[in-house]
């Protein structure tokens, strides 16, 4: 499943949830230095979706707050979890 995320690097707490212009919000504690925030984003998304970090790939946006990820796994379960995560904060 392709997924657009909006990353907030340097956040006080790391979490996944909410919606920003159609993108899933990912807050990471790492700063945007040497790809640390992107790496933490991949791990956070994997954890939120209950998949191994090796099942999440960065497709586009390594140096951008808006990233496109590919999450591999059971498609219906991933879509259900995505809906749950987007609803956080509503």
Protein backbone atom coordinates (compact mmCIF):
# COMPACT_ATOMS: atom_id res chain seq x y z
CA UNK A 1 0.00 0.00 0.00
CA UNK A 2 1.34 3.44 -0.93
CA UNK A 3 1.03 5.99 1.81
CA UNK A 4 1.74 9.71 2.04
CA UNK A 5 3.02 10.90 5.41
CA UNK A 6 3.70 14.37 6.79
CA UNK A 7 6.65 14.28 9.21
CA UNK A 8 7.24 16.56 12.20
CA UNK A 9 10.93 16.10 13.08
CA UNK A 10 12.25 17.17 16.47
CA UNK A 11 8.94 16.55 18.25
CA UNK A 12 8.77 16.15 22.02
CA UNK A 13 7.17 12.76 21.59
CA UNK A 14 7.16 10.32 18.75
CA UNK A 15 3.82 9.03 17.52
CA UNK A 16 1.77 8.28 14.45
CA UNK A 17 -1.74 9.59 14.04
CA UNK A 18 -3.87 12.34 12.62
CA UNK A 19 -4.35 13.79 9.18
CA UNK A 20 -2.65 16.75 7.49
CA UNK A 21 -4.04 17.57 4.03
CA UNK A 22 -4.69 13.88 3.33
CA UNK A 23 -1.33 12.67 4.67
CA UNK A 24 -0.84 10.61 7.80
CA UNK A 25 0.96 12.63 10.49
CA UNK A 26 4.17 11.12 11.90
CA UNK A 27 5.97 12.86 14.77
CA UNK A 28 9.55 11.79 15.41
CA UNK A 29 12.01 12.91 18.05
CA UNK A 30 14.99 12.81 15.69
CA UNK A 31 16.07 16.03 14.02
CA UNK A 32 16.24 16.29 10.23
CA UNK A 33 20.01 15.76 10.15
CA UNK A 34 21.77 13.14 8.02
CA UNK A 35 18.52 11.26 7.37
CA UNK A 36 17.87 10.50 11.04
CA UNK A 37 14.27 11.75 10.90
CA UNK A 38 13.55 9.73 7.75
CA UNK A 39 14.98 6.57 9.31
CA UNK A 40 12.94 7.08 12.48
CA UNK A 41 9.85 7.75 10.36
CA UNK A 42 10.18 4.37 8.67
CA UNK A 43 10.54 2.60 12.03
CA UNK A 44 7.59 4.51 13.53
CA UNK A 45 5.31 3.66 10.59
CA UNK A 46 6.34 0.00 10.72
CA UNK A 47 5.55 -0.12 14.43
CA UNK A 48 2.20 1.66 13.97
CA UNK A 49 1.14 -0.80 11.27
CA UNK A 50 2.49 -3.85 13.09
CA UNK A 51 4.95 -4.86 10.40
CA UNK A 52 8.70 -5.36 10.31
CA UNK A 53 10.77 -2.28 9.44
CA UNK A 54 11.97 -4.16 6.37
CA UNK A 55 8.36 -4.07 5.10
CA UNK A 56 8.38 -0.24 4.84
CA UNK A 57 10.23 1.49 2.00
CA UNK A 58 10.77 5.16 1.29
CA UNK A 59 9.64 5.83 -2.29
CA UNK A 60 9.98 9.62 -2.44
CA UNK A 61 10.86 12.54 -0.17
CA UNK A 62 14.00 11.59 1.75
CA UNK A 63 14.76 15.30 2.37
CA UNK A 64 11.17 16.51 2.61
CA UNK A 65 8.55 16.60 5.36
CA UNK A 66 6.11 15.00 2.93
CA UNK A 67 7.14 11.46 2.08
CA UNK A 68 5.66 8.63 0.06
CA UNK A 69 6.11 5.21 1.63
CA UNK A 70 5.34 1.69 0.51
CA UNK A 71 4.06 -0.55 3.32
CA UNK A 72 3.89 -4.24 2.47
CA UNK A 73 1.55 -6.62 4.22
CA UNK A 74 -2.09 -7.70 4.30
CA UNK A 75 -3.79 -4.91 2.32
CA UNK A 76 -7.21 -4.98 4.06
CA UNK A 77 -5.56 -4.93 7.51
CA UNK A 78 -3.25 -2.09 6.50
CA UNK A 79 -6.15 -0.01 5.16
CA UNK A 80 -8.17 -0.59 8.35
CA UNK A 81 -5.21 0.46 10.49
CA UNK A 82 -4.63 3.54 8.31
CA UNK A 83 -8.25 4.64 8.86
CA UNK A 84 -7.78 4.17 12.64
CA UNK A 85 -4.56 6.19 12.66
CA UNK A 86 -6.00 9.03 10.60
CA UNK A 87 -8.97 9.29 12.98
CA UNK A 88 -6.67 10.00 15.95
CA UNK A 89 -7.00 13.62 16.94
CA UNK A 90 -10.41 14.18 15.35
